[in-house]
Amino acid sequence: MASRNLPSTTAMQCFEAAARHMSFTRAADELSLTQSAVSKQVAQLEAHLQHKLFRRVRRSLLLTPEGAIFLSDVRKVLAQLEMSTQAIMTYSGNSEVLKVATLPSFGARWLADRLPAFLADNPGISLEFHDRVEDFDLEQQDIDVALFYGHGSWPNLACHKLLEEEMVAVAAPPLLARHAPRDVAELADLPLLHLSTRPDAWHRWFAEQGATTDRSYHGTRFETFAMLVRTAMAGGGVALVPRFIVAEELQDRRLAIAAPYRLHSASAYYLVYPEHLGELAKVRRFVEHLVGAAALSTDD
């Protein structure tokens, strides 16, 4: 294997501390080094990168554009290295890590409530969560299991359906009180809020009721349900969302059903994992727990 062209962690630490303090002297105090040692490490790093990271102006430091770009990545690298180091230092040999990727809103509104029981029953398994908005290659990104939304067929992945989706039109009660739409057609006169990954949802909602409108594709689009729901609560328009996403807001009357019709999605939420990982105990137990929890769900 060819050697990697990487700077030393000491050089990166010196650079990050100097950039944070904008001073080699204060960076040296923090790192218990001499000022000349920090300066030398940064100079070596600049030579390695073939770019200046700082400009010296009137006895003070300023980041160059290249330095600002590099600083962002260096901080991520050092943070990840610190987390990995702490994990190994506290590793007891009796714990396994299960890496889980989930759709943000599904994770917050359905999955999170079902985790405490799993953790209590499986003290030897630690969960590490990652948010993903779209489907991805699990093995390429080193993920054990994921929550996908779709039709239930992905190459080389075992799939378990967890939850079907029922979409409801919701809005802030004051907005509905002011406009009081009398029928489906009048609802189209209100601002429609869309999820960018479901561009035809409103069109289907109107069409399945026999309503015709040229506004079903018009309106503000959001990448996640979280901001869409918050905008609806603030009176920004009518949102078409899965009922389980807004169950709490409906119960607390922060949102209200804008029209009775419910749109049943062809897609559903699935728990997926690479087929060859299915025999791993940590994967098997997580799958069994969530499939069982989904079967008992009555509020989604």
C-alpha atoms as a PDB file:
ATOM      1  CA  MET A   1       0.000   0.000   0.000  1.00  0.00           C
ATOM      2  CA  ALA A   2       1.307   3.438  -0.935  1.00  0.00           C
ATOM      3  CA  SER A   3       2.094   5.761   1.959  1.00  0.00           C
ATOM      4  CA  ARG A   4      -0.515   8.412   2.638  1.00  0.00           C
ATOM      5  CA  ASN A   5       0.336  12.065   2.189  1.00  0.00           C
ATOM      6  CA  LEU A   6      -0.904  13.199   5.607  1.00  0.00           C
ATOM      7  CA  PRO A   7       0.372  15.871   8.005  1.00  0.00           C
ATOM      8  CA  SER A   8       1.113  14.958  11.612  1.00  0.00           C
ATOM      9  CA  THR A   9      -1.581  15.282  14.270  1.00  0.00           C
ATOM     10  CA  THR A  10       0.792  17.493  16.276  1.00  0.00           C
ATOM     11  CA  ALA A  11       1.017  19.925  13.384  1.00  0.00           C
ATOM     12  CA  MET A  12      -2.767  19.961  13.002  1.00  0.00           C
ATOM     13  CA  GLN A  13      -3.235  20.545  16.741  1.00  0.00           C
ATOM     14  CA  CYS A  14      -0.780  23.434  16.677  1.00  0.00           C
ATOM     15  CA  PHE A  15      -2.481  24.959  13.659  1.00  0.00           C
ATOM     16  CA  GLU A  16      -5.973  24.604  15.165  1.00  0.00           C
ATOM     17  CA  ALA A  17      -4.931  26.124  18.507  1.00  0.00           C
ATOM     18  CA  ALA A  18      -3.094  28.982  16.809  1.00  0.00           C
ATOM     19  CA  ALA A  19      -6.111  29.689  14.600  1.00  0.00           C
ATOM     20  CA  ARG A  20      -8.474  29.636  17.584  1.00  0.00           C
ATOM     21  CA  HIS A  21      -6.344  32.008  19.642  1.00  0.00           C
ATOM     22  CA  MET A  22      -4.851  33.869  16.683  1.00  0.00           C
ATOM     23  CA  SER A  23      -1.608  33.644  18.610  1.00  0.00           C
ATOM     24  CA  PHE A  24       1.309  31.216  18.601  1.00  0.00           C
ATOM     25  CA  THR A  25       2.086  32.183  22.196  1.00  0.00           C
ATOM     26  CA  ARG A  26      -1.369  31.375  23.570  1.00  0.00           C
ATOM     27  CA  ALA A  27      -1.492  28.192  21.490  1.00  0.00           C
ATOM     28  CA  ALA A  28       1.849  27.160  22.987  1.00  0.00           C
ATOM     29  CA  ASP A  29       0.542  27.756  26.519  1.00  0.00           C
ATOM     30  CA  GLU A  30      -2.507  25.600  25.838  1.00  0.00           C
ATOM     31  CA  LEU A  31      -0.477  22.759  24.340  1.00  0.00           C
ATOM     32  CA  SER A  32       2.384  22.965  26.878  1.00  0.00           C
ATOM     33  CA  LEU A  33       4.884  23.667  24.113  1.00  0.00           C
ATOM     34  CA  THR A  34       7.214  26.536  23.392  1.00  0.00           C
ATOM     35  CA  GLN A  35       6.189  29.329  21.069  1.00  0.00           C
ATOM     36  CA  SER A  36       8.984  28.405  18.669  1.00  0.00           C
ATOM     37  CA  ALA A  37       7.814  24.744  18.600  1.00  0.00           C
ATOM     38  CA  VAL A  38       4.273  25.782  17.612  1.00  0.00           C
ATOM     39  CA  SER A  39       5.606  28.168  14.990  1.00  0.00           C
ATOM     40  CA  LYS A  40       7.854  25.446  13.582  1.00  0.00           C
ATOM     41  CA  GLN A  41       4.996  22.929  13.409  1.00  0.00           C
ATOM     42  CA  VAL A  42       2.791  25.402  11.536  1.00  0.00           C
ATOM     43  CA  ALA A  43       5.655  26.255   9.152  1.00  0.00           C
ATOM     44  CA  GLN A  44       6.164  22.557   8.433  1.00  0.00           C
ATOM     45  CA  LEU A  45       2.442  22.169   7.820  1.00  0.00           C
ATOM     46  CA  GLU A  46       2.469  25.093   5.372  1.00  0.00           C
ATOM     47  CA  ALA A  47       5.429  23.553   3.575  1.00  0.00           C
ATOM     48  CA  HIS A  48       3.629  20.212   3.405  1.00  0.00           C
ATOM     49  CA  LEU A  49       0.465  21.831   1.979  1.00  0.00           C
ATOM     50  CA  GLN A  50       2.417  24.248  -0.236  1.00  0.00           C
ATOM     51  CA  HIS A  51       0.114  27.050   0.922  1.00  0.00           C
ATOM     52  CA  LYS A  52       0.360  29.736   3.565  1.00  0.00           C
ATOM     53  CA  LEU A  53      -2.186  29.269   6.344  1.00  0.00           C
ATOM     54  CA  PHE A  54      -1.574  32.550   8.184  1.00  0.00           C
ATOM     55  CA  ARG A  55      -0.669  36.100   7.293  1.00  0.00           C
ATOM     56  CA  ARG A  56       1.363  38.043   9.835  1.00  0.00           C
ATOM     57  CA  VAL A  57       0.008  41.576  10.144  1.00  0.00           C
ATOM     58  CA  ARG A  58       1.343  44.007  12.781  1.00  0.00           C
ATOM     59  CA  ARG A  59       2.383  41.254  15.188  1.00  0.00           C
ATOM     60  CA  SER A  60      -0.974  39.492  14.850  1.00  0.00           C
ATOM     61  CA  LEU A  61      -2.151  36.490  12.860  1.00  0.00           C
ATOM     62  CA  LEU A  62      -4.843  36.357  10.195  1.00  0.00           C
ATOM     63  CA  LEU A  63      -6.026  33.225   8.435  1.00  0.00           C
ATOM     64  CA  THR A  64      -5.512  33.099   4.704  1.00  0.00           C
ATOM     65  CA  PRO A  65      -8.457  31.850   2.582  1.00  0.00           C
ATOM     66  CA  GLU A  66      -6.642  28.520   2.296  1.00  0.00           C
ATOM     67  CA  GLY A  67      -6.155  28.475   6.058  1.00  0.00           C
ATOM     68  CA  ALA A  68      -9.859  29.055   6.718  1.00  0.00           C
ATOM     69  CA  ILE A  69     -10.833  26.184   4.423  1.00  0.00           C
ATOM     70  CA  PHE A  70      -8.271  23.838   5.951  1.00  0.00           C
ATOM     71  CA  LEU A  71      -9.223  24.810   9.509  1.00  0.00           C
ATOM     72  CA  SER A  72     -12.796  23.569   9.075  1.00  0.00           C
ATOM     73  CA  ASP A  73     -11.618  20.128   7.988  1.00  0.00           C
ATOM     74  CA  VAL A  74      -8.870  19.947  10.601  1.00  0.00           C
ATOM     75  CA  ARG A  75     -11.404  20.545  13.369  1.00  0.00           C
ATOM     76  CA  LYS A  76     -13.578  17.703  12.054  1.00  0.00           C
ATOM     77  CA  VAL A  77     -10.589  15.354  11.880  1.00  0.00           C
ATOM     78  CA  LEU A  78      -9.409  16.204  15.396  1.00  0.00           C
ATOM     79  CA  ALA A  79     -12.925  15.891  16.834  1.00  0.00           C
ATOM     80  CA  GLN A  80     -13.385  12.466  15.248  1.00  0.00           C
ATOM     81  CA  LEU A  81      -9.957  11.336  16.423  1.00  0.00           C
ATOM     82  CA  GLU A  82     -10.735  12.480  19.964  1.00  0.00           C
ATOM     83  CA  MET A  83     -14.063  10.630  19.985  1.00  0.00           C
ATOM     84  CA  SER A  84     -12.448   7.448  18.664  1.00  0.00           C
ATOM     85  CA  THR A  85      -9.648   7.694  21.215  1.00  0.00           C
ATOM     86  CA  GLN A  86     -12.081   8.111  24.096  1.00  0.00           C
ATOM     87  CA  ALA A  87     -14.168   5.180  22.833  1.00  0.00           C
ATOM     88  CA  ILE A  88     -11.145   2.880  22.764  1.00  0.00           C
ATOM     89  CA  MET A  89      -9.927   4.093  26.163  1.00  0.00           C
ATOM     90  CA  THR A  90     -13.278   3.195  27.715  1.00  0.00           C
ATOM     91  CA  TYR A  91     -13.752  -0.023  25.717  1.00  0.00           C
ATOM     92  CA  SER A  92     -14.409  -2.947  28.039  1.00  0.00           C
ATOM     93  CA  GLY A  93     -14.453  -5.758  25.490  1.00  0.00           C
ATOM     94  CA  ASN A  94     -18.107  -6.457  26.277  1.00  0.00           C
ATOM     95  CA  SER A  95     -19.738  -3.808  24.090  1.00  0.00           C
ATOM     96  CA  GLU A  96     -20.605  -3.818  20.405  1.00  0.00           C
ATOM     97  CA  VAL A  97     -21.431  -0.750  18.344  1.00  0.00           C
ATOM     98  CA  LEU A  98     -24.360  -0.880  15.931  1.00  0.00           C
ATOM     99  CA  LYS A  99     -24.269   1.897  13.340  1.00  0.00           C
ATOM    100  CA  VAL A 100     -27.759   3.021  12.341  1.00  0.00           C
ATOM    101  CA  ALA A 101     -28.797   5.516   9.670  1.00  0.00           C
ATOM    102  CA  THR A 102     -32.269   6.994   9.797  1.00  0.00           C
ATOM    103  CA  LEU A 103     -34.435   9.563   8.115  1.00  0.00           C
ATOM    104  CA  PRO A 104     -34.324  12.540  10.521  1.00  0.00           C
ATOM    105  CA  SER A 105     -38.071  12.960  11.091  1.00  0.00           C
ATOM    106  CA  PHE A 106     -38.753   9.224  11.272  1.00  0.00           C
ATOM    107  CA  GLY A 107     -35.930   8.869  13.781  1.00  0.00           C
ATOM    108  CA  ALA A 108     -37.183  11.705  15.976  1.00  0.00           C
ATOM    109  CA  ARG A 109     -40.921  10.966  15.780  1.00  0.00           C
ATOM    110  CA  TRP A 110     -41.095   7.160  15.721  1.00  0.00           C
ATOM    111  CA  LEU A 111     -37.770   5.445  16.274  1.00  0.00           C
ATOM    112  CA  ALA A 112     -36.563   7.402  19.330  1.00  0.00           C
ATOM    113  CA  ASP A 113     -39.538   6.342  21.468  1.00  0.00           C
ATOM    114  CA  ARG A 114     -38.713   2.695  20.821  1.00  0.00           C
ATOM    115  CA  LEU A 115     -35.024   2.833  21.694  1.00  0.00           C
ATOM    116  CA  PRO A 116     -35.079   2.810  25.524  1.00  0.00           C
ATOM    117  CA  ALA A 117     -36.583  -0.683  25.632  1.00  0.00           C
ATOM    118  CA  PHE A 118     -33.971  -1.987  23.204  1.00  0.00           C
ATOM    119  CA  LEU A 119     -31.120  -0.437  25.177  1.00  0.00           C
ATOM    120  CA  ALA A 120     -32.461  -1.832  28.442  1.00  0.00           C
ATOM    121  CA  ASP A 121     -32.707  -5.341  26.970  1.00  0.00           C
ATOM    122  CA  ASN A 122     -29.316  -5.146  25.224  1.00  0.00           C
ATOM    123  CA  PRO A 123     -26.795  -3.446  27.542  1.00  0.00           C
ATOM    124  CA  GLY A 124     -23.900  -4.865  25.538  1.00  0.00           C
ATOM    125  CA  ILE A 125     -24.894  -2.995  22.368  1.00  0.00           C
ATOM    126  CA  SER A 126     -24.151   0.694  21.841  1.00  0.00           C
ATOM    127  CA  LEU A 127     -26.039   2.554  19.118  1.00  0.00           C
ATOM    128  CA  GLU A 128     -24.442   5.151  16.852  1.00  0.00           C
ATOM    129  CA  PHE A 129     -26.921   7.181  14.786  1.00  0.00           C
ATOM    130  CA  HIS A 130     -26.465   9.029  11.499  1.00  0.00           C
ATOM    131  CA  ASP A 131     -29.102  11.114   9.703  1.00  0.00           C
ATOM    132  CA  ARG A 132     -29.676  10.447   6.007  1.00  0.00           C
ATOM    133  CA  VAL A 133     -32.316  12.106   3.828  1.00  0.00           C
ATOM    134  CA  GLU A 134     -31.904   9.830   0.787  1.00  0.00           C
ATOM    135  CA  ASP A 135     -31.054   6.185   0.107  1.00  0.00           C
ATOM    136  CA  PHE A 136     -27.351   5.313   0.013  1.00  0.00           C
ATOM    137  CA  ASP A 137     -24.909   2.394  -0.134  1.00  0.00           C
ATOM    138  CA  LEU A 138     -24.720   1.066   3.439  1.00  0.00           C
ATOM    139  CA  GLU A 139     -21.458  -0.833   3.050  1.00  0.00           C
ATOM    140  CA  GLN A 140     -19.717   2.032   1.308  1.00  0.00           C
ATOM    141  CA  GLN A 141     -20.568   4.302   4.249  1.00  0.00           C
ATOM    142  CA  ASP A 142     -19.916   1.661   6.937  1.00  0.00           C
ATOM    143  CA  ILE A 143     -23.521   1.510   8.211  1.00  0.00           C
ATOM    144  CA  ASP A 144     -24.975  -1.695   9.680  1.00  0.00           C
ATOM    145  CA  VAL A 145     -28.711  -0.996   9.420  1.00  0.00           C
ATOM    146  CA  ALA A 146     -30.775   1.858   8.020  1.00  0.00           C
ATOM    147  CA  LEU A 147     -34.329   3.147   7.856  1.00  0.00           C
ATOM    148  CA  PHE A 148     -35.394   3.742   4.250  1.00  0.00           C
ATOM    149  CA  TYR A 149     -38.593   5.088   2.723  1.00  0.00           C
ATOM    150  CA  GLY A 150     -39.635   3.420  -0.504  1.00  0.00           C
ATOM    151  CA  HIS A 151     -41.199   0.384  -2.159  1.00  0.00           C
ATOM    152  CA  GLY A 152     -39.250  -2.243  -0.210  1.00  0.00           C
ATOM    153  CA  SER A 153     -36.811  -3.499  -2.823  1.00  0.00           C
ATOM    154  CA  TRP A 154     -33.150  -2.543  -2.743  1.00  0.00           C
ATOM    155  CA  PRO A 155     -30.346  -4.651  -4.274  1.00  0.00           C
ATOM    156  CA  ASN A 156     -28.429  -6.844  -1.815  1.00  0.00           C
ATOM    157  CA  LEU A 157     -30.396  -5.558   1.175  1.00  0.00           C
ATOM    158  CA  ALA A 158     -32.721  -7.484   3.463  1.00  0.00           C
ATOM    159  CA  CYS A 159     -35.895  -5.419   3.989  1.00  0.00           C
ATOM    160  CA  HIS A 160     -38.508  -5.424   6.762  1.00  0.00           C
ATOM    161  CA  LYS A 161     -41.571  -3.199   6.497  1.00  0.00           C
ATOM    162  CA  LEU A 162     -42.121  -1.214   9.684  1.00  0.00           C
ATOM    163  CA  LEU A 163     -44.734   1.411   8.981  1.00  0.00           C
ATOM    164  CA  GLU A 164     -47.097   2.349   6.194  1.00  0.00           C
ATOM    165  CA  GLU A 165     -47.773   6.014   5.634  1.00  0.00           C
ATOM    166  CA  GLU A 166     -51.009   7.977   5.822  1.00  0.00           C
ATOM    167  CA  MET A 167     -50.698  11.621   4.769  1.00  0.00           C
ATOM    168  CA  VAL A 168     -52.955  14.293   6.285  1.00  0.00           C
ATOM    169  CA  ALA A 169     -53.373  17.973   5.479  1.00  0.00           C
ATOM    170  CA  VAL A 170     -52.661  20.122   8.542  1.00  0.00           C
ATOM    171  CA  ALA A 171     -52.383  23.811   9.340  1.00  0.00           C
ATOM    172  CA  ALA A 172     -52.282  26.163  12.302  1.00  0.00           C
ATOM    173  CA  PRO A 173     -55.770  26.610  13.818  1.00  0.00           C
ATOM    174  CA  PRO A 174     -55.652  30.445  13.494  1.00  0.00           C
ATOM    175  CA  LEU A 175     -54.925  30.147   9.758  1.00  0.00           C
ATOM    176  CA  LEU A 176     -57.884  27.828   9.231  1.00  0.00           C
ATOM    177  CA  ALA A 177     -60.127  30.062  11.369  1.00  0.00           C
ATOM    178  CA  ARG A 178     -59.264  33.116   9.272  1.00  0.00           C
ATOM    179  CA  HIS A 179     -59.791  31.487   5.874  1.00  0.00           C
ATOM    180  CA  ALA A 180     -62.234  28.666   6.709  1.00  0.00           C
ATOM    181  CA  PRO A 181     -61.977  26.758   3.402  1.00  0.00           C
ATOM    182  CA  ARG A 182     -65.398  25.282   2.611  1.00  0.00           C
ATOM    183  CA  ASP A 183     -64.175  22.543   0.273  1.00  0.00           C
ATOM    184  CA  VAL A 184     -61.065  20.939  -1.207  1.00  0.00           C
ATOM    185  CA  ALA A 185     -60.840  23.432  -4.052  1.00  0.00           C
ATOM    186  CA  GLU A 186     -60.754  26.384  -1.649  1.00  0.00           C
ATOM    187  CA  LEU A 187     -57.951  24.744   0.316  1.00  0.00           C
ATOM    188  CA  ALA A 188     -55.761  25.180  -2.779  1.00  0.00           C
ATOM    189  CA  ASP A 189     -56.092  28.955  -2.345  1.00  0.00           C
ATOM    190  CA  LEU A 190     -54.002  28.729   0.827  1.00  0.00           C
ATOM    191  CA  PRO A 191     -50.186  28.491   0.617  1.00  0.00           C
ATOM    192  CA  LEU A 192     -49.242  24.836   0.095  1.00  0.00           C
ATOM    193  CA  LEU A 193     -46.100  23.547   1.794  1.00  0.00           C
ATOM    194  CA  HIS A 194     -44.210  20.710   0.094  1.00  0.00           C
ATOM    195  CA  LEU A 195     -41.505  18.183   0.943  1.00  0.00           C
ATOM    196  CA  SER A 196     -38.929  18.291  -1.843  1.00  0.00           C
ATOM    197  CA  THR A 197     -38.671  14.490  -2.002  1.00  0.00           C
ATOM    198  CA  ARG A 198     -42.480  14.190  -2.454  1.00  0.00           C
ATOM    199  CA  PRO A 199     -43.058  16.746  -5.245  1.00  0.00           C
ATOM    200  CA  ASP A 200     -46.345  15.191  -6.417  1.00  0.00           C
ATOM    201  CA  ALA A 201     -47.960  14.564  -3.013  1.00  0.00           C
ATOM    202  CA  TRP A 202     -50.340  17.511  -3.115  1.00  0.00           C
ATOM    203  CA  HIS A 203     -51.233  16.793  -6.762  1.00  0.00           C
ATOM    204  CA  ARG A 204     -52.201  13.218  -5.834  1.00  0.00           C
ATOM    205  CA  TRP A 205     -54.135  14.426  -2.784  1.00  0.00           C
ATOM    206  CA  PHE A 206     -56.302  16.720  -4.914  1.00  0.00           C
ATOM    207  CA  ALA A 207     -56.601  14.294  -7.844  1.00  0.00           C
ATOM    208  CA  GLU A 208     -57.788  11.356  -5.710  1.00  0.00           C
ATOM    209  CA  GLN A 209     -60.671  13.545  -4.527  1.00  0.00           C
ATOM    210  CA  GLY A 210     -61.595  14.565  -8.052  1.00  0.00           C
ATOM    211  CA  ALA A 211     -60.497  18.148  -7.442  1.00  0.00           C
ATOM    212  CA  THR A 212     -58.841  20.136 -10.203  1.00  0.00           C
ATOM    213  CA  THR A 213     -56.376  22.925  -9.410  1.00  0.00           C
ATOM    214  CA  ASP A 214     -53.412  24.455 -11.163  1.00  0.00           C
ATOM    215  CA  ARG A 215     -51.754  25.208  -7.802  1.00  0.00           C
ATOM    216  CA  SER A 216     -50.959  21.682  -6.605  1.00  0.00           C
ATOM    217  CA  TYR A 217     -47.281  22.022  -7.520  1.00  0.00           C
ATOM    218  CA  HIS A 218     -46.960  25.619  -6.293  1.00  0.00           C
ATOM    219  CA  GLY A 219     -45.557  26.614  -2.916  1.00  0.00           C
ATOM    220  CA  THR A 220     -42.536  26.497  -0.648  1.00  0.00           C
ATOM    221  CA  ARG A 221     -40.432  23.312  -0.602  1.00  0.00           C
ATOM    222  CA  PHE A 222     -38.504  21.862   2.333  1.00  0.00           C
ATOM    223  CA  GLU A 223     -35.875  19.146   2.539  1.00  0.00           C
ATOM    224  CA  THR A 224     -37.107  17.743   5.877  1.00  0.00           C
ATOM    225  CA  PHE A 225     -40.435  17.473   7.643  1.00  0.00           C
ATOM    226  CA  ALA A 226     -39.077  19.283  10.702  1.00  0.00           C
ATOM    227  CA  MET A 227     -38.922  22.733   9.106  1.00  0.00           C
ATOM    228  CA  LEU A 228     -42.072  22.106   7.073  1.00  0.00           C
ATOM    229  CA  VAL A 229     -44.063  21.327  10.230  1.00  0.00           C
ATOM    230  CA  ARG A 230     -42.638  24.304  12.118  1.00  0.00           C
ATOM    231  CA  THR A 231     -43.622  26.599   9.234  1.00  0.00           C
ATOM    232  CA  ALA A 232     -47.147  25.201   9.242  1.00  0.00           C
ATOM    233  CA  MET A 233     -47.391  25.728  13.016  1.00  0.00           C
ATOM    234  CA  ALA A 234     -46.320  29.341  12.525  1.00  0.00           C
ATOM    235  CA  GLY A 235     -49.187  29.902  10.099  1.00  0.00           C
ATOM    236  CA  GLY A 236     -47.130  29.730   6.912  1.00  0.00           C
ATOM    237  CA  GLY A 237     -49.473  27.433   5.035  1.00  0.00           C
ATOM    238  CA  VAL A 238     -51.003  23.986   4.801  1.00  0.00           C
ATOM    239  CA  ALA A 239     -48.707  20.959   5.040  1.00  0.00           C
ATOM    240  CA  LEU A 240     -49.327  17.434   3.759  1.00  0.00           C
ATOM    241  CA  VAL A 241     -47.453  15.167   6.161  1.00  0.00           C
ATOM    242  CA  PRO A 242     -47.518  11.627   7.597  1.00  0.00           C
ATOM    243  CA  ARG A 243     -49.915  11.547  10.524  1.00  0.00           C
ATOM    244  CA  PHE A 244     -47.332  10.050  12.903  1.00  0.00           C
ATOM    245  CA  ILE A 245     -45.031  13.014  12.250  1.00  0.00           C
ATOM    246  CA  VAL A 246     -47.587  15.472  13.678  1.00  0.00           C
ATOM    247  CA  ALA A 247     -49.391  13.293  16.235  1.00  0.00           C
ATOM    248  CA  GLU A 248     -48.129  15.393  19.164  1.00  0.00           C
ATOM    249  CA  GLU A 249     -48.956  18.705  17.491  1.00  0.00           C
ATOM    250  CA  LEU A 250     -52.494  17.524  16.681  1.00  0.00           C
ATOM    251  CA  GLN A 251     -53.022  16.309  20.229  1.00  0.00           C
ATOM    252  CA  ASP A 252     -51.765  19.621  21.659  1.00  0.00           C
ATOM    253  CA  ARG A 253     -53.855  21.562  19.099  1.00  0.00           C
ATOM    254  CA  ARG A 254     -50.838  23.368  17.741  1.00  0.00           C
ATOM    255  CA  LEU A 255     -51.986  21.993  14.388  1.00  0.00           C
ATOM    256  CA  ALA A 256     -55.408  20.986  13.131  1.00  0.00           C
ATOM    257  CA  ILE A 257     -56.653  18.752  10.342  1.00  0.00           C
ATOM    258  CA  ALA A 258     -57.391  21.048   7.396  1.00  0.00           C
ATOM    259  CA  ALA A 259     -59.466  18.496   5.431  1.00  0.00           C
ATOM    260  CA  PRO A 260     -60.646  14.972   6.263  1.00  0.00           C
ATOM    261  CA  TYR A 261     -59.200  13.097   3.285  1.00  0.00           C
ATOM    262  CA  ARG A 262     -56.177  10.898   4.017  1.00  0.00           C
ATOM    263  CA  LEU A 263     -53.689  10.026   1.290  1.00  0.00           C
ATOM    264  CA  HIS A 264     -52.311   6.487   1.554  1.00  0.00           C
ATOM    265  CA  SER A 265     -48.761   6.354   0.211  1.00  0.00           C
ATOM    266  CA  ALA A 266     -47.619   3.548  -2.052  1.00  0.00           C
ATOM    267  CA  SER A 267     -44.275   3.632  -0.239  1.00  0.00           C
ATOM    268  CA  ALA A 268     -43.556   2.701   3.378  1.00  0.00           C
ATOM    269  CA  TYR A 269     -40.784   2.832   5.974  1.00  0.00           C
ATOM    270  CA  TYR A 270     -38.422  -0.139   5.949  1.00  0.00           C
ATOM    271  CA  LEU A 271     -35.605  -1.403   8.118  1.00  0.00           C
ATOM    272  CA  VAL A 272     -32.812  -2.553   5.800  1.00  0.00           C
ATOM    273  CA  TYR A 273     -29.354  -4.087   6.197  1.00  0.00           C
ATOM    274  CA  PRO A 274     -26.799  -5.881   3.997  1.00  0.00           C
ATOM    275  CA  GLU A 275     -27.900  -9.498   3.648  1.00  0.00           C
ATOM    276  CA  HIS A 276     -24.605 -10.905   4.895  1.00  0.00           C
ATOM    277  CA  LEU A 277     -24.946  -9.005   8.207  1.00  0.00           C
ATOM    278  CA  GLY A 278     -28.242 -10.649   9.091  1.00  0.00           C
ATOM    279  CA  GLU A 279     -26.619 -13.319  11.264  1.00  0.00           C
ATOM    280  CA  LEU A 280     -24.789 -10.826  13.469  1.00  0.00           C
ATOM    281  CA  ALA A 281     -26.368 -10.847  16.913  1.00  0.00           C
ATOM    282  CA  LYS A 282     -26.428  -7.044  17.210  1.00  0.00           C
ATOM    283  CA  VAL A 283     -28.222  -6.700  13.862  1.00  0.00           C
ATOM    284  CA  ARG A 284     -30.620  -9.576  14.520  1.00  0.00           C
ATOM    285  CA  ARG A 285     -31.644  -8.220  17.926  1.00  0.00           C
ATOM    286  CA  PHE A 286     -32.216  -4.698  16.599  1.00  0.00           C
ATOM    287  CA  VAL A 287     -34.299  -6.023  13.713  1.00  0.00           C
ATOM    288  CA  GLU A 288     -36.386  -8.246  16.004  1.00  0.00           C
ATOM    289  CA  HIS A 289     -36.996  -5.367  18.397  1.00  0.00           C
ATOM    290  CA  LEU A 290     -38.127  -2.859  15.774  1.00  0.00           C
ATOM    291  CA  VAL A 291     -40.238  -5.338  13.820  1.00  0.00           C
ATOM    292  CA  GLY A 292     -41.940  -6.317  17.073  1.00  0.00           C
ATOM    293  CA  ALA A 293     -42.412  -2.686  18.087  1.00  0.00           C
ATOM    294  CA  ALA A 294     -43.902  -1.860  14.697  1.00  0.00           C
ATOM    295  CA  ALA A 295     -46.398  -4.719  15.022  1.00  0.00           C
ATOM    296  CA  LEU A 296     -47.558  -3.269  18.349  1.00  0.00           C
ATOM    297  CA  SER A 297     -47.861   0.305  17.083  1.00  0.00           C
ATOM    298  CA  THR A 298     -51.372   1.665  17.311  1.00  0.00           C
ATOM    299  CA  ASP A 299     -50.705   5.423  17.295  1.00  0.00           C
ATOM    300  CA  ASP A 300     -49.094   5.840  13.859  1.00  0.00           C
END
